[in-house]
């Protein structure tokens, strides 16, 4: 099971600030939420909010698995 901290560390290492912000937007779209509800902080703070309050344990695990698979295959980590 992936924790919020596991995903945040992965994103700090592998995503730029702009990619982190795009991931917040993509997760908002996937969860049917307004991106503005993630707060007004820095991208990683907004991402942490999304991971904590919008996703359950199963979804967090799926997200980290998916990000890791994309990294291994050389795909962009955040869909455009």
N, C-alpha and C. Protein backbone atom coordinates (compact mmCIF):
# COMPACT_ATOMS: atom_id res chain seq x y z
N UNK A 1 0.85 -1.18 0.00
CA UNK A 1 0.00 0.00 0.00
C UNK A 1 0.90 1.24 0.00
N UNK A 2 0.61 2.15 -0.88
CA UNK A 2 1.38 3.40 -0.99
C UNK A 2 0.79 4.45 -0.06
N UNK A 3 1.67 5.16 0.61
CA UNK A 3 1.23 6.24 1.48
C UNK A 3 1.34 7.57 0.73
N UNK A 4 0.75 8.59 1.30
CA UNK A 4 0.88 9.93 0.75
C UNK A 4 2.36 10.31 0.67
N UNK A 5 3.11 9.98 1.71
CA UNK A 5 4.55 10.30 1.74
C UNK A 5 5.30 9.57 0.62
N UNK A 6 4.96 8.31 0.36
CA UNK A 6 5.62 7.55 -0.71
C UNK A 6 5.44 8.26 -2.05
N UNK A 7 4.22 8.68 -2.33
CA UNK A 7 3.93 9.32 -3.61
C UNK A 7 4.58 10.69 -3.67
N UNK A 8 4.55 11.43 -2.57
CA UNK A 8 5.16 12.75 -2.56
C UNK A 8 6.67 12.66 -2.80
N UNK A 9 7.34 11.71 -2.17
CA UNK A 9 8.77 11.54 -2.39
C UNK A 9 9.05 11.20 -3.85
N UNK A 10 8.28 10.28 -4.41
CA UNK A 10 8.44 9.92 -5.82
C UNK A 10 8.29 11.17 -6.70
N UNK A 11 7.28 11.97 -6.44
CA UNK A 11 7.03 13.16 -7.26
C UNK A 11 8.12 14.22 -7.07
N UNK A 12 8.61 14.39 -5.86
CA UNK A 12 9.71 15.34 -5.62
C UNK A 12 10.95 14.97 -6.43
N UNK A 13 11.20 13.68 -6.55
CA UNK A 13 12.39 13.20 -7.26
C UNK A 13 12.20 13.24 -8.77
N UNK A 14 11.02 12.89 -9.24
CA UNK A 14 10.84 12.63 -10.68
C UNK A 14 10.02 13.66 -11.44
N UNK A 15 9.34 14.58 -10.76
CA UNK A 15 8.50 15.56 -11.46
C UNK A 15 9.01 16.97 -11.24
N UNK A 16 8.89 17.77 -12.27
CA UNK A 16 9.17 19.20 -12.12
C UNK A 16 7.97 19.84 -11.43
N UNK A 17 8.13 21.09 -11.06
CA UNK A 17 7.02 21.81 -10.44
C UNK A 17 5.82 21.88 -11.40
N UNK A 18 6.10 22.16 -12.67
CA UNK A 18 5.03 22.24 -13.67
C UNK A 18 4.33 20.89 -13.83
N UNK A 19 5.09 19.81 -13.83
CA UNK A 19 4.49 18.48 -13.95
C UNK A 19 3.65 18.15 -12.72
N UNK A 20 4.11 18.56 -11.55
CA UNK A 20 3.33 18.34 -10.33
C UNK A 20 1.99 19.06 -10.42
N UNK A 21 2.02 20.28 -10.94
CA UNK A 21 0.78 21.05 -11.10
C UNK A 21 -0.14 20.38 -12.12
N UNK A 22 0.44 19.85 -13.21
CA UNK A 22 -0.37 19.14 -14.21
C UNK A 22 -0.98 17.88 -13.61
N UNK A 23 -0.22 17.21 -12.72
CA UNK A 23 -0.75 16.01 -12.08
C UNK A 23 -1.94 16.36 -11.20
N UNK A 24 -1.87 17.48 -10.50
CA UNK A 24 -3.02 17.94 -9.70
C UNK A 24 -4.23 18.13 -10.62
N UNK A 25 -4.03 18.80 -11.74
CA UNK A 25 -5.13 19.02 -12.68
C UNK A 25 -5.68 17.71 -13.24
N UNK A 26 -4.79 16.79 -13.57
CA UNK A 26 -5.22 15.50 -14.13
C UNK A 26 -6.02 14.72 -13.08
N UNK A 27 -5.54 14.72 -11.83
CA UNK A 27 -6.27 14.02 -10.77
C UNK A 27 -7.61 14.68 -10.49
N UNK A 28 -7.67 16.00 -10.57
CA UNK A 28 -8.95 16.71 -10.40
C UNK A 28 -9.93 16.24 -11.48
N UNK A 29 -9.45 16.19 -12.71
CA UNK A 29 -10.30 15.76 -13.83
C UNK A 29 -10.76 14.31 -13.62
N UNK A 30 -9.82 13.43 -13.22
CA UNK A 30 -10.15 12.01 -13.04
C UNK A 30 -11.12 11.78 -11.88
N UNK A 31 -11.07 12.65 -10.87
CA UNK A 31 -11.95 12.46 -9.71
C UNK A 31 -13.21 13.32 -9.80
N UNK A 32 -13.34 14.11 -10.86
CA UNK A 32 -14.53 14.94 -11.03
C UNK A 32 -14.58 16.13 -10.08
N UNK A 33 -13.42 16.62 -9.70
CA UNK A 33 -13.36 17.75 -8.78
C UNK A 33 -12.81 18.98 -9.47
N UNK A 34 -13.07 20.12 -8.89
CA UNK A 34 -12.53 21.37 -9.39
C UNK A 34 -11.10 21.51 -8.88
N UNK A 35 -10.17 21.79 -9.77
CA UNK A 35 -8.77 21.90 -9.42
C UNK A 35 -8.53 22.95 -8.33
N UNK A 36 -9.34 23.99 -8.30
CA UNK A 36 -9.19 25.05 -7.31
C UNK A 36 -9.38 24.53 -5.88
N UNK A 37 -10.08 23.41 -5.72
CA UNK A 37 -10.31 22.84 -4.39
C UNK A 37 -9.05 22.24 -3.78
N UNK A 38 -7.98 22.17 -4.57
CA UNK A 38 -6.71 21.63 -4.06
C UNK A 38 -5.93 22.68 -3.27
N UNK A 39 -6.46 23.90 -3.19
CA UNK A 39 -5.79 24.95 -2.42
C UNK A 39 -4.99 25.89 -3.30
N UNK A 40 -4.34 26.82 -2.65
CA UNK A 40 -3.61 27.87 -3.39
C UNK A 40 -2.12 27.83 -3.12
N UNK A 41 -1.60 26.75 -2.57
CA UNK A 41 -0.19 26.67 -2.23
C UNK A 41 0.68 26.30 -3.42
N UNK A 42 1.88 25.90 -3.10
CA UNK A 42 2.83 25.43 -4.11
C UNK A 42 2.32 24.11 -4.70
N UNK A 43 2.77 23.75 -5.90
CA UNK A 43 2.26 22.53 -6.53
C UNK A 43 2.36 21.27 -5.67
N UNK A 44 3.46 21.07 -4.98
CA UNK A 44 3.58 19.86 -4.16
C UNK A 44 2.67 19.90 -2.94
N UNK A 45 2.41 21.09 -2.42
CA UNK A 45 1.44 21.21 -1.31
C UNK A 45 0.04 20.87 -1.82
N UNK A 46 -0.28 21.36 -3.01
CA UNK A 46 -1.58 21.07 -3.61
C UNK A 46 -1.70 19.58 -3.90
N UNK A 47 -0.63 18.99 -4.39
CA UNK A 47 -0.64 17.55 -4.68
C UNK A 47 -0.85 16.76 -3.40
N UNK A 48 -0.18 17.14 -2.34
CA UNK A 48 -0.35 16.44 -1.05
C UNK A 48 -1.81 16.51 -0.59
N UNK A 49 -2.45 17.67 -0.76
CA UNK A 49 -3.86 17.81 -0.40
C UNK A 49 -4.71 16.81 -1.20
N UNK A 50 -4.46 16.76 -2.50
CA UNK A 50 -5.21 15.84 -3.37
C UNK A 50 -5.00 14.39 -2.92
N UNK A 51 -3.76 14.02 -2.69
CA UNK A 51 -3.45 12.65 -2.29
C UNK A 51 -4.10 12.29 -0.96
N UNK A 52 -4.13 13.24 -0.04
CA UNK A 52 -4.66 13.00 1.30
C UNK A 52 -6.18 12.94 1.32
N UNK A 53 -6.81 13.90 0.65
CA UNK A 53 -8.26 14.06 0.81
C UNK A 53 -9.10 13.57 -0.36
N UNK A 54 -8.53 13.41 -1.53
CA UNK A 54 -9.32 13.01 -2.69
C UNK A 54 -9.19 11.54 -3.03
N UNK A 55 -8.09 10.90 -2.61
CA UNK A 55 -7.85 9.50 -2.98
C UNK A 55 -7.89 8.62 -1.74
N UNK A 56 -8.40 7.41 -1.92
CA UNK A 56 -8.36 6.45 -0.81
C UNK A 56 -7.08 5.60 -0.93
N UNK A 57 -6.88 4.70 0.00
CA UNK A 57 -5.65 3.89 0.02
C UNK A 57 -5.45 3.12 -1.29
N UNK A 58 -6.51 2.52 -1.77
CA UNK A 58 -6.42 1.74 -3.01
C UNK A 58 -6.02 2.62 -4.18
N UNK A 59 -6.63 3.78 -4.28
CA UNK A 59 -6.33 4.70 -5.38
C UNK A 59 -4.89 5.23 -5.29
N UNK A 60 -4.43 5.49 -4.08
CA UNK A 60 -3.04 5.93 -3.92
C UNK A 60 -2.08 4.84 -4.38
N UNK A 61 -2.36 3.61 -4.02
CA UNK A 61 -1.52 2.50 -4.47
C UNK A 61 -1.52 2.36 -5.98
N UNK A 62 -2.69 2.48 -6.58
CA UNK A 62 -2.79 2.41 -8.04
C UNK A 62 -2.04 3.56 -8.71
N UNK A 63 -2.14 4.74 -8.13
CA UNK A 63 -1.45 5.91 -8.70
C UNK A 63 0.06 5.71 -8.68
N UNK A 64 0.62 5.29 -7.54
CA UNK A 64 2.06 5.10 -7.48
C UNK A 64 2.51 3.99 -8.42
N UNK A 65 1.79 2.89 -8.48
CA UNK A 65 2.12 1.82 -9.42
C UNK A 65 2.13 2.34 -10.85
N UNK A 66 1.12 3.12 -11.20
CA UNK A 66 0.98 3.66 -12.55
C UNK A 66 2.13 4.62 -12.87
N UNK A 67 2.46 5.50 -11.93
CA UNK A 67 3.58 6.43 -12.14
C UNK A 67 4.90 5.68 -12.32
N UNK A 68 5.11 4.66 -11.51
CA UNK A 68 6.34 3.87 -11.62
C UNK A 68 6.42 3.12 -12.95
N UNK A 69 5.30 2.56 -13.40
CA UNK A 69 5.27 1.87 -14.70
C UNK A 69 5.59 2.85 -15.83
N UNK A 70 5.00 4.03 -15.77
CA UNK A 70 5.25 5.03 -16.82
C UNK A 70 6.72 5.44 -16.82
N UNK A 71 7.31 5.59 -15.66
CA UNK A 71 8.72 5.97 -15.57
C UNK A 71 9.59 4.88 -16.18
N UNK A 72 9.32 3.62 -15.82
CA UNK A 72 10.12 2.49 -16.35
C UNK A 72 10.01 2.38 -17.87
N UNK A 73 8.84 2.68 -18.40
CA UNK A 73 8.64 2.54 -19.85
C UNK A 73 9.06 3.77 -20.64
N UNK A 74 9.46 4.83 -19.93
CA UNK A 74 9.91 6.04 -20.61
C UNK A 74 8.79 6.98 -21.04
N UNK A 75 7.57 6.67 -20.64
CA UNK A 75 6.43 7.54 -20.98
C UNK A 75 6.47 8.78 -20.09
N UNK A 76 5.87 9.88 -20.56
CA UNK A 76 5.75 11.05 -19.67
C UNK A 76 4.96 10.64 -18.42
N UNK A 77 5.40 11.10 -17.26
CA UNK A 77 4.74 10.70 -16.02
C UNK A 77 3.35 11.28 -15.89
N UNK A 78 3.14 12.44 -16.49
CA UNK A 78 1.82 13.08 -16.42
C UNK A 78 1.26 13.17 -17.83
N UNK A 79 0.07 12.62 -18.07
CA UNK A 79 -0.54 12.73 -19.40
C UNK A 79 -0.72 14.20 -19.78
N UNK A 80 -0.59 14.48 -21.06
CA UNK A 80 -0.75 15.86 -21.54
C UNK A 80 -2.13 16.07 -22.10
